[in-house]
PDB file of N, CA and C in Angstrom:
ATOM      1  N   MET A   1     -48.843  15.562  55.747  1.00  0.00           N
ATOM      2  CA  MET A   1     -49.940  15.116  54.948  1.00  0.00           C
ATOM      3  C   MET A   1     -50.018  13.571  55.020  1.00  0.00           C
ATOM      4  N   LYS A   2     -51.200  13.067  55.329  1.00  0.00           N
ATOM      5  CA  LYS A   2     -51.391  11.621  55.371  1.00  0.00           C
ATOM      6  C   LYS A   2     -52.221  11.176  54.181  1.00  0.00           C
ATOM      7  N   LEU A   3     -51.948   9.950  53.768  1.00  0.00           N
ATOM      8  CA  LEU A   3     -52.712   9.360  52.668  1.00  0.00           C
ATOM      9  C   LEU A   3     -53.880   8.565  53.237  1.00  0.00           C
ATOM     10  N   ASN A   4     -55.008   8.611  52.547  1.00  0.00           N
ATOM     11  CA  ASN A   4     -56.161   7.776  52.892  1.00  0.00           C
ATOM     12  C   ASN A   4     -55.839   6.369  52.359  1.00  0.00           C
ATOM     13  N   VAL A   5     -55.610   5.425  53.239  1.00  0.00           N
ATOM     14  CA  VAL A   5     -55.162   4.106  52.859  1.00  0.00           C
ATOM     15  C   VAL A   5     -56.197   3.417  51.963  1.00  0.00           C
ATOM     16  N   LYS A   6     -57.470   3.468  52.315  1.00  0.00           N
ATOM     17  CA  LYS A   6     -58.507   2.783  51.520  1.00  0.00           C
ATOM     18  C   LYS A   6     -58.624   3.380  50.107  1.00  0.00           C
ATOM     19  N   ALA A   7     -58.619   4.712  50.050  1.00  0.00           N
ATOM     20  CA  ALA A   7     -58.751   5.363  48.740  1.00  0.00           C
ATOM     21  C   ALA A   7     -57.532   5.102  47.864  1.00  0.00           C
ATOM     22  N   PHE A   8     -56.353   5.124  48.449  1.00  0.00           N
ATOM     23  CA  PHE A   8     -55.128   4.869  47.692  1.00  0.00           C
ATOM     24  C   PHE A   8     -55.076   3.432  47.216  1.00  0.00           C
ATOM     25  N   ALA A   9     -55.501   2.498  48.090  1.00  0.00           N
ATOM     26  CA  ALA A   9     -55.508   1.076  47.696  1.00  0.00           C
ATOM     27  C   ALA A   9     -56.510   0.843  46.553  1.00  0.00           C
ATOM     28  N   LEU A  10     -57.680   1.413  46.657  1.00  0.00           N
ATOM     29  CA  LEU A  10     -58.667   1.273  45.590  1.00  0.00           C
ATOM     30  C   LEU A  10     -58.171   1.848  44.267  1.00  0.00           C
ATOM     31  N   THR A  11     -57.543   3.022  44.350  1.00  0.00           N
ATOM     32  CA  THR A  11     -57.008   3.644  43.135  1.00  0.00           C
ATOM     33  C   THR A  11     -55.936   2.803  42.502  1.00  0.00           C
ATOM     34  N   CYS A  12     -55.002   2.304  43.306  1.00  0.00           N
ATOM     35  CA  CYS A  12     -53.936   1.442  42.771  1.00  0.00           C
ATOM     36  C   CYS A  12     -54.514   0.162  42.146  1.00  0.00           C
ATOM     37  N   GLY A  13     -55.495  -0.412  42.812  1.00  0.00           N
ATOM     38  CA  GLY A  13     -56.127  -1.633  42.265  1.00  0.00           C
ATOM     39  C   GLY A  13     -56.806  -1.379  40.962  1.00  0.00           C
ATOM     40  N   LEU A  14     -57.533  -0.284  40.840  1.00  0.00           N
ATOM     41  CA  LEU A  14     -58.196   0.047  39.598  1.00  0.00           C
ATOM     42  C   LEU A  14     -57.224   0.349  38.464  1.00  0.00           C
ATOM     43  N   VAL A  15     -56.204   1.127  38.780  1.00  0.00           N
ATOM     44  CA  VAL A  15     -55.230   1.480  37.732  1.00  0.00           C
ATOM     45  C   VAL A  15     -54.466   0.257  37.247  1.00  0.00           C
ATOM     46  N   TRP A  16     -54.023  -0.608  38.164  1.00  0.00           N
ATOM     47  CA  TRP A  16     -53.248  -1.784  37.751  1.00  0.00           C
ATOM     48  C   TRP A  16     -54.169  -2.786  37.078  1.00  0.00           C
ATOM     49  N   GLY A  17     -55.379  -2.986  37.590  1.00  0.00           N
ATOM     50  CA  GLY A  17     -56.306  -3.937  36.997  1.00  0.00           C
ATOM     51  C   GLY A  17     -56.707  -3.565  35.596  1.00  0.00           C
ATOM     52  N   PHE A  18     -57.196  -2.335  35.425  1.00  0.00           N
ATOM     53  CA  PHE A  18     -57.609  -1.906  34.084  1.00  0.00           C
ATOM     54  C   PHE A  18     -56.421  -1.705  33.168  1.00  0.00           C
ATOM     55  N   GLY A  19     -55.289  -1.382  33.693  1.00  0.00           N
ATOM     56  CA  GLY A  19     -54.066  -1.243  32.886  1.00  0.00           C
ATOM     57  C   GLY A  19     -53.710  -2.578  32.249  1.00  0.00           C
ATOM     58  N   LEU A  20     -53.715  -3.655  33.054  1.00  0.00           N
ATOM     59  CA  LEU A  20     -53.412  -4.974  32.509  1.00  0.00           C
ATOM     60  C   LEU A  20     -54.513  -5.437  31.545  1.00  0.00           C
ATOM     61  N   PHE A  21     -55.765  -5.123  31.884  1.00  0.00           N
ATOM     62  CA  PHE A  21     -56.882  -5.498  31.020  1.00  0.00           C
ATOM     63  C   PHE A  21     -56.733  -4.881  29.634  1.00  0.00           C
ATOM     64  N   PHE A  22     -56.491  -3.559  29.604  1.00  0.00           N
ATOM     65  CA  PHE A  22     -56.397  -2.864  28.294  1.00  0.00           C
ATOM     66  C   PHE A  22     -55.100  -3.230  27.576  1.00  0.00           C
ATOM     67  N   LEU A  23     -54.031  -3.503  28.300  1.00  0.00           N
ATOM     68  CA  LEU A  23     -52.797  -3.966  27.656  1.00  0.00           C
ATOM     69  C   LEU A  23     -53.034  -5.318  26.986  1.00  0.00           C
ATOM     70  N   THR A  24     -53.731  -6.218  27.663  1.00  0.00           N
ATOM     71  CA  THR A  24     -54.043  -7.497  27.071  1.00  0.00           C
ATOM     72  C   THR A  24     -54.828  -7.348  25.780  1.00  0.00           C
ATOM     73  N   TRP A  25     -55.852  -6.501  25.801  1.00  0.00           N
ATOM     74  CA  TRP A  25     -56.675  -6.285  24.613  1.00  0.00           C
ATOM     75  C   TRP A  25     -55.870  -5.590  23.507  1.00  0.00           C
ATOM     76  N   TRP A  26     -54.933  -4.725  23.878  1.00  0.00           N
ATOM     77  CA  TRP A  26     -54.072  -4.085  22.901  1.00  0.00           C
ATOM     78  C   TRP A  26     -53.238  -5.143  22.183  1.00  0.00           C
ATOM     79  N   ILE A  27     -52.674  -6.070  22.926  1.00  0.00           N
ATOM     80  CA  ILE A  27     -51.864  -7.145  22.323  1.00  0.00           C
ATOM     81  C   ILE A  27     -52.760  -8.066  21.478  1.00  0.00           C
ATOM     82  N   ILE A  28     -53.951  -8.358  21.955  1.00  0.00           N
ATOM     83  CA  ILE A  28     -54.878  -9.180  21.179  1.00  0.00           C
ATOM     84  C   ILE A  28     -55.240  -8.501  19.863  1.00  0.00           C
ATOM     85  N   ALA A  29     -55.436  -7.207  19.890  1.00  0.00           N
ATOM     86  CA  ALA A  29     -55.805  -6.464  18.684  1.00  0.00           C
ATOM     87  C   ALA A  29     -54.700  -6.530  17.600  1.00  0.00           C
ATOM     88  N   PHE A  30     -53.447  -6.534  17.996  1.00  0.00           N
ATOM     89  CA  PHE A  30     -52.375  -6.507  17.036  1.00  0.00           C
ATOM     90  C   PHE A  30     -51.798  -7.902  16.722  1.00  0.00           C
ATOM     91  N   ASP A  31     -51.747  -8.789  17.709  1.00  0.00           N
ATOM     92  CA  ASP A  31     -51.135 -10.109  17.516  1.00  0.00           C
ATOM     93  C   ASP A  31     -52.137 -11.256  17.562  1.00  0.00           C
ATOM     94  N   GLY A  32     -53.351 -11.001  17.982  1.00  0.00           N
ATOM     95  CA  GLY A  32     -54.352 -12.032  18.080  1.00  0.00           C
ATOM     96  C   GLY A  32     -54.259 -12.740  19.438  1.00  0.00           C
ATOM     97  N   ALA A  33     -55.330 -13.410  19.762  1.00  0.00           N
ATOM     98  CA  ALA A  33     -55.419 -14.158  21.019  1.00  0.00           C
ATOM     99  C   ALA A  33     -54.641 -15.468  20.850  1.00  0.00           C
ATOM    100  N   THR A  34     -53.565 -15.603  21.576  1.00  0.00           N
ATOM    101  CA  THR A  34     -52.713 -16.768  21.422  1.00  0.00           C
ATOM    102  C   THR A  34     -52.927 -17.795  22.530  1.00  0.00           C
ATOM    103  N   GLY A  35     -53.251 -17.325  23.714  1.00  0.00           N
ATOM    104  CA  GLY A  35     -53.389 -18.252  24.848  1.00  0.00           C
ATOM    105  C   GLY A  35     -52.052 -18.749  25.332  1.00  0.00           C
ATOM    106  N   ASP A  36     -50.958 -18.184  24.787  1.00  0.00           N
ATOM    107  CA  ASP A  36     -49.618 -18.580  25.211  1.00  0.00           C
ATOM    108  C   ASP A  36     -49.359 -18.137  26.662  1.00  0.00           C
ATOM    109  N   PRO A  37     -48.620 -18.914  27.384  1.00  0.00           N
ATOM    110  CA  PRO A  37     -48.256 -18.485  28.769  1.00  0.00           C
ATOM    111  C   PRO A  37     -47.341 -17.296  28.713  1.00  0.00           C
ATOM    112  N   THR A  38     -47.487 -16.420  29.664  1.00  0.00           N
ATOM    113  CA  THR A  38     -46.668 -15.211  29.726  1.00  0.00           C
ATOM    114  C   THR A  38     -46.014 -15.145  31.114  1.00  0.00           C
ATOM    115  N   PHE A  39     -45.101 -14.184  31.267  1.00  0.00           N
ATOM    116  CA  PHE A  39     -44.481 -14.026  32.585  1.00  0.00           C
ATOM    117  C   PHE A  39     -45.534 -13.664  33.647  1.00  0.00           C
ATOM    118  N   ILE A  40     -46.448 -12.773  33.293  1.00  0.00           N
ATOM    119  CA  ILE A  40     -47.509 -12.402  34.225  1.00  0.00           C
ATOM    120  C   ILE A  40     -48.404 -13.589  34.508  1.00  0.00           C
ATOM    121  N   GLY A  41     -48.595 -14.446  33.521  1.00  0.00           N
ATOM    122  CA  GLY A  41     -49.375 -15.650  33.714  1.00  0.00           C
ATOM    123  C   GLY A  41     -48.751 -16.596  34.705  1.00  0.00           C
ATOM    124  N   SER A  42     -47.434 -16.558  34.889  1.00  0.00           N
ATOM    125  CA  SER A  42     -46.784 -17.398  35.911  1.00  0.00           C
ATOM    126  C   SER A  42     -47.053 -16.833  37.297  1.00  0.00           C
ATOM    127  N   LEU A  43     -47.376 -15.553  37.404  1.00  0.00           N
ATOM    128  CA  LEU A  43     -47.708 -14.941  38.676  1.00  0.00           C
ATOM    129  C   LEU A  43     -49.190 -14.957  38.967  1.00  0.00           C
ATOM    130  N   TYR A  44     -50.000 -14.700  37.949  1.00  0.00           N
ATOM    131  CA  TYR A  44     -51.456 -14.653  38.074  1.00  0.00           C
ATOM    132  C   TYR A  44     -52.050 -15.911  37.465  1.00  0.00           C
ATOM    133  N   ARG A  45     -52.445 -16.838  38.302  1.00  0.00           N
ATOM    134  CA  ARG A  45     -52.940 -18.146  37.868  1.00  0.00           C
ATOM    135  C   ARG A  45     -54.161 -17.963  36.922  1.00  0.00           C
ATOM    136  N   GLY A  46     -54.091 -18.557  35.753  1.00  0.00           N
ATOM    137  CA  GLY A  46     -55.164 -18.501  34.798  1.00  0.00           C
ATOM    138  C   GLY A  46     -55.072 -17.380  33.763  1.00  0.00           C
ATOM    139  N   TYR A  47     -54.136 -16.475  33.934  1.00  0.00           N
ATOM    140  CA  TYR A  47     -53.980 -15.356  32.975  1.00  0.00           C
ATOM    141  C   TYR A  47     -53.232 -15.819  31.743  1.00  0.00           C
ATOM    142  N   ASN A  48     -53.739 -15.447  30.594  1.00  0.00           N
ATOM    143  CA  ASN A  48     -53.015 -15.621  29.324  1.00  0.00           C
ATOM    144  C   ASN A  48     -53.547 -14.599  28.331  1.00  0.00           C
ATOM    145  N   LEU A  49     -52.985 -14.568  27.145  1.00  0.00           N
ATOM    146  CA  LEU A  49     -53.397 -13.589  26.146  1.00  0.00           C
ATOM    147  C   LEU A  49     -54.633 -14.019  25.394  1.00  0.00           C
ATOM    148  N   SER A  50     -55.768 -13.926  26.072  1.00  0.00           N
ATOM    149  CA  SER A  50     -57.049 -14.294  25.486  1.00  0.00           C
ATOM    150  C   SER A  50     -58.130 -13.418  26.125  1.00  0.00           C
ATOM    151  N   PRO A  51     -59.307 -13.357  25.510  1.00  0.00           N
ATOM    152  CA  PRO A  51     -60.362 -12.550  26.123  1.00  0.00           C
ATOM    153  C   PRO A  51     -60.701 -13.005  27.555  1.00  0.00           C
ATOM    154  N   VAL A  52     -60.804 -14.284  27.801  1.00  0.00           N
ATOM    155  CA  VAL A  52     -61.105 -14.783  29.143  1.00  0.00           C
ATOM    156  C   VAL A  52     -59.932 -14.462  30.085  1.00  0.00           C
ATOM    157  N   GLY A  53     -58.702 -14.633  29.569  1.00  0.00           N
ATOM    158  CA  GLY A  53     -57.524 -14.339  30.373  1.00  0.00           C
ATOM    159  C   GLY A  53     -57.450 -12.887  30.787  1.00  0.00           C
ATOM    160  N   SER A  54     -57.962 -11.972  29.929  1.00  0.00           N
ATOM    161  CA  SER A  54     -57.945 -10.547  30.287  1.00  0.00           C
ATOM    162  C   SER A  54     -58.801 -10.263  31.516  1.00  0.00           C
ATOM    163  N   PHE A  55     -59.945 -10.941  31.625  1.00  0.00           N
ATOM    164  CA  PHE A  55     -60.776 -10.771  32.819  1.00  0.00           C
ATOM    165  C   PHE A  55     -60.182 -11.406  34.067  1.00  0.00           C
ATOM    166  N   ILE A  56     -59.494 -12.531  33.874  1.00  0.00           N
ATOM    167  CA  ILE A  56     -58.836 -13.179  34.989  1.00  0.00           C
ATOM    168  C   ILE A  56     -57.685 -12.243  35.465  1.00  0.00           C
ATOM    169  N   GLY A  57     -56.947 -11.690  34.521  1.00  0.00           N
ATOM    170  CA  GLY A  57     -55.881 -10.761  34.860  1.00  0.00           C
ATOM    171  C   GLY A  57     -56.391  -9.510  35.523  1.00  0.00           C
ATOM    172  N   LEU A  58     -57.561  -9.016  35.081  1.00  0.00           N
ATOM    173  CA  LEU A  58     -58.174  -7.850  35.721  1.00  0.00           C
ATOM    174  C   LEU A  58     -58.447  -8.126  37.181  1.00  0.00           C
ATOM    175  N   ALA A  59     -59.012  -9.267  37.485  1.00  0.00           N
ATOM    176  CA  ALA A  59     -59.315  -9.612  38.883  1.00  0.00           C
ATOM    177  C   ALA A  59     -58.055  -9.730  39.724  1.00  0.00           C
ATOM    178  N   TRP A  60     -57.085 -10.493  39.215  1.00  0.00           N
ATOM    179  CA  TRP A  60     -55.824 -10.664  39.966  1.00  0.00           C
ATOM    180  C   TRP A  60     -55.097  -9.338  40.171  1.00  0.00           C
ATOM    181  N   ALA A  61     -55.013  -8.560  39.105  1.00  0.00           N
ATOM    182  CA  ALA A  61     -54.290  -7.279  39.176  1.00  0.00           C
ATOM    183  C   ALA A  61     -55.013  -6.310  40.117  1.00  0.00           C
ATOM    184  N   PHE A  62     -56.321  -6.318  40.158  1.00  0.00           N
ATOM    185  CA  PHE A  62     -57.058  -5.462  41.068  1.00  0.00           C
ATOM    186  C   PHE A  62     -56.712  -5.803  42.522  1.00  0.00           C
ATOM    187  N   VAL A  63     -56.711  -7.072  42.832  1.00  0.00           N
ATOM    188  CA  VAL A  63     -56.386  -7.483  44.195  1.00  0.00           C
ATOM    189  C   VAL A  63     -54.938  -7.177  44.511  1.00  0.00           C
ATOM    190  N   ASP A  64     -54.042  -7.504  43.588  1.00  0.00           N
ATOM    191  CA  ASP A  64     -52.597  -7.277  43.803  1.00  0.00           C
ATOM    192  C   ASP A  64     -52.302  -5.788  43.946  1.00  0.00           C
ATOM    193  N   GLY A  65     -52.881  -4.961  43.064  1.00  0.00           N
ATOM    194  CA  GLY A  65     -52.663  -3.511  43.149  1.00  0.00           C
ATOM    195  C   GLY A  65     -53.257  -2.922  44.422  1.00  0.00           C
ATOM    196  N   GLY A  66     -54.408  -3.462  44.837  1.00  0.00           N
ATOM    197  CA  GLY A  66     -55.013  -2.948  46.074  1.00  0.00           C
ATOM    198  C   GLY A  66     -54.183  -3.280  47.308  1.00  0.00           C
ATOM    199  N   ILE A  67     -53.670  -4.467  47.362  1.00  0.00           N
ATOM    200  CA  ILE A  67     -52.829  -4.854  48.507  1.00  0.00           C
ATOM    201  C   ILE A  67     -51.552  -4.056  48.473  1.00  0.00           C
ATOM    202  N   GLY A  68     -50.916  -3.932  47.331  1.00  0.00           N
ATOM    203  CA  GLY A  68     -49.687  -3.130  47.212  1.00  0.00           C
ATOM    204  C   GLY A  68     -49.915  -1.664  47.543  1.00  0.00           C
ATOM    205  N   GLY A  69     -51.041  -1.121  47.075  1.00  0.00           N
ATOM    206  CA  GLY A  69     -51.344   0.267  47.378  1.00  0.00           C
ATOM    207  C   GLY A  69     -51.606   0.520  48.864  1.00  0.00           C
ATOM    208  N   ALA A  70     -52.274  -0.460  49.515  1.00  0.00           N
ATOM    209  CA  ALA A  70     -52.553  -0.323  50.945  1.00  0.00           C
ATOM    210  C   ALA A  70     -51.271  -0.386  51.747  1.00  0.00           C
ATOM    211  N   ILE A  71     -50.377  -1.292  51.369  1.00  0.00           N
ATOM    212  CA  ILE A  71     -49.089  -1.377  52.075  1.00  0.00           C
ATOM    213  C   ILE A  71     -48.274  -0.120  51.880  1.00  0.00           C
ATOM    214  N   PHE A  72     -48.245   0.401  50.650  1.00  0.00           N
ATOM    215  CA  PHE A  72     -47.516   1.612  50.349  1.00  0.00           C
ATOM    216  C   PHE A  72     -48.049   2.788  51.159  1.00  0.00           C
ATOM    217  N   ALA A  73     -49.369   2.995  51.163  1.00  0.00           N
ATOM    218  CA  ALA A  73     -49.997   4.107  51.874  1.00  0.00           C
ATOM    219  C   ALA A  73     -49.767   3.987  53.376  1.00  0.00           C
ATOM    220  N   TRP A  74     -49.930   2.778  53.914  1.00  0.00           N
ATOM    221  CA  TRP A  74     -49.706   2.595  55.357  1.00  0.00           C
ATOM    222  C   TRP A  74     -48.266   2.899  55.738  1.00  0.00           C
ATOM    223  N   LEU A  75     -47.307   2.383  54.925  1.00  0.00           N
ATOM    224  CA  LEU A  75     -45.900   2.632  55.199  1.00  0.00           C
ATOM    225  C   LEU A  75     -45.565   4.102  55.081  1.00  0.00           C
ATOM    226  N   TYR A  76     -46.103   4.759  54.069  1.00  0.00           N
ATOM    227  CA  TYR A  76     -45.905   6.209  53.923  1.00  0.00           C
ATOM    228  C   TYR A  76     -46.403   6.966  55.143  1.00  0.00           C
ATOM    229  N   ASN A  77     -47.612   6.646  55.585  1.00  0.00           N
ATOM    230  CA  ASN A  77     -48.162   7.327  56.767  1.00  0.00           C
ATOM    231  C   ASN A  77     -47.330   7.050  58.005  1.00  0.00           C
ATOM    232  N   PHE A  78     -46.835   5.838  58.149  1.00  0.00           N
ATOM    233  CA  PHE A  78     -46.006   5.464  59.288  1.00  0.00           C
ATOM    234  C   PHE A  78     -44.693   6.245  59.310  1.00  0.00           C
ATOM    235  N   ILE A  79     -44.048   6.284  58.155  1.00  0.00           N
ATOM    236  CA  ILE A  79     -42.746   7.020  58.061  1.00  0.00           C
ATOM    237  C   ILE A  79     -42.954   8.523  58.189  1.00  0.00           C
ATOM    238  N   ALA A  80     -43.997   9.037  57.553  1.00  0.00           N
ATOM    239  CA  ALA A  80     -44.288  10.470  57.641  1.00  0.00           C
ATOM    240  C   ALA A  80     -44.600  10.907  59.072  1.00  0.00           C
ATOM    241  N   GLY A  81     -45.261  10.021  59.835  1.00  0.00           N
ATOM    242  CA  GLY A  81     -45.554  10.316  61.221  1.00  0.00           C
ATOM    243  C   GLY A  81     -44.326  10.365  62.099  1.00  0.00           C
ATOM    244  N   ARG A  82     -43.336   9.560  61.766  1.00  0.00           N
ATOM    245  CA  ARG A  82     -42.083   9.499  62.530  1.00  0.00           C
ATOM    246  C   ARG A  82     -41.130  10.635  62.150  1.00  0.00           C
ATOM    247  N   CYS A  83     -41.281  11.175  60.961  1.00  0.00           N
ATOM    248  CA  CYS A  83     -40.329  12.175  60.451  1.00  0.00           C
ATOM    249  C   CYS A  83     -40.916  13.581  60.427  1.00  0.00           C
ATOM    250  N   LYS A  84     -41.696  13.908  61.419  1.00  0.00           N
ATOM    251  CA  LYS A  84     -42.309  15.269  61.469  1.00  0.00           C
ATOM    252  C   LYS A  84     -41.203  16.271  61.722  1.00  0.00           C
ATOM    253  N   GLU A  85     -41.336  17.397  60.992  1.00  0.00           N
ATOM    254  CA  GLU A  85     -40.319  18.446  61.121  1.00  0.00           C
ATOM    255  C   GLU A  85     -40.648  19.387  62.215  1.00  0.00           C
TER     256      GLU A  85
END
């Protein structure tokens, strides 16, 4: 079985992007928008715990998840092709 690289990359990008977006809003709902720097903010330039930061994080995470998903799917297909039974 082979993975569709584009579909897997898009799925990973959407899941990671919206996951970070909703997590940010979850934290904002309970602790308020602080704008404090976070660990993810050190990786994703411009991200912080604020409404604007949630959209910046959504964009960064979508790209990051898409690239990671594409690499994973390509590597899976490569290894699966070499390990045919």
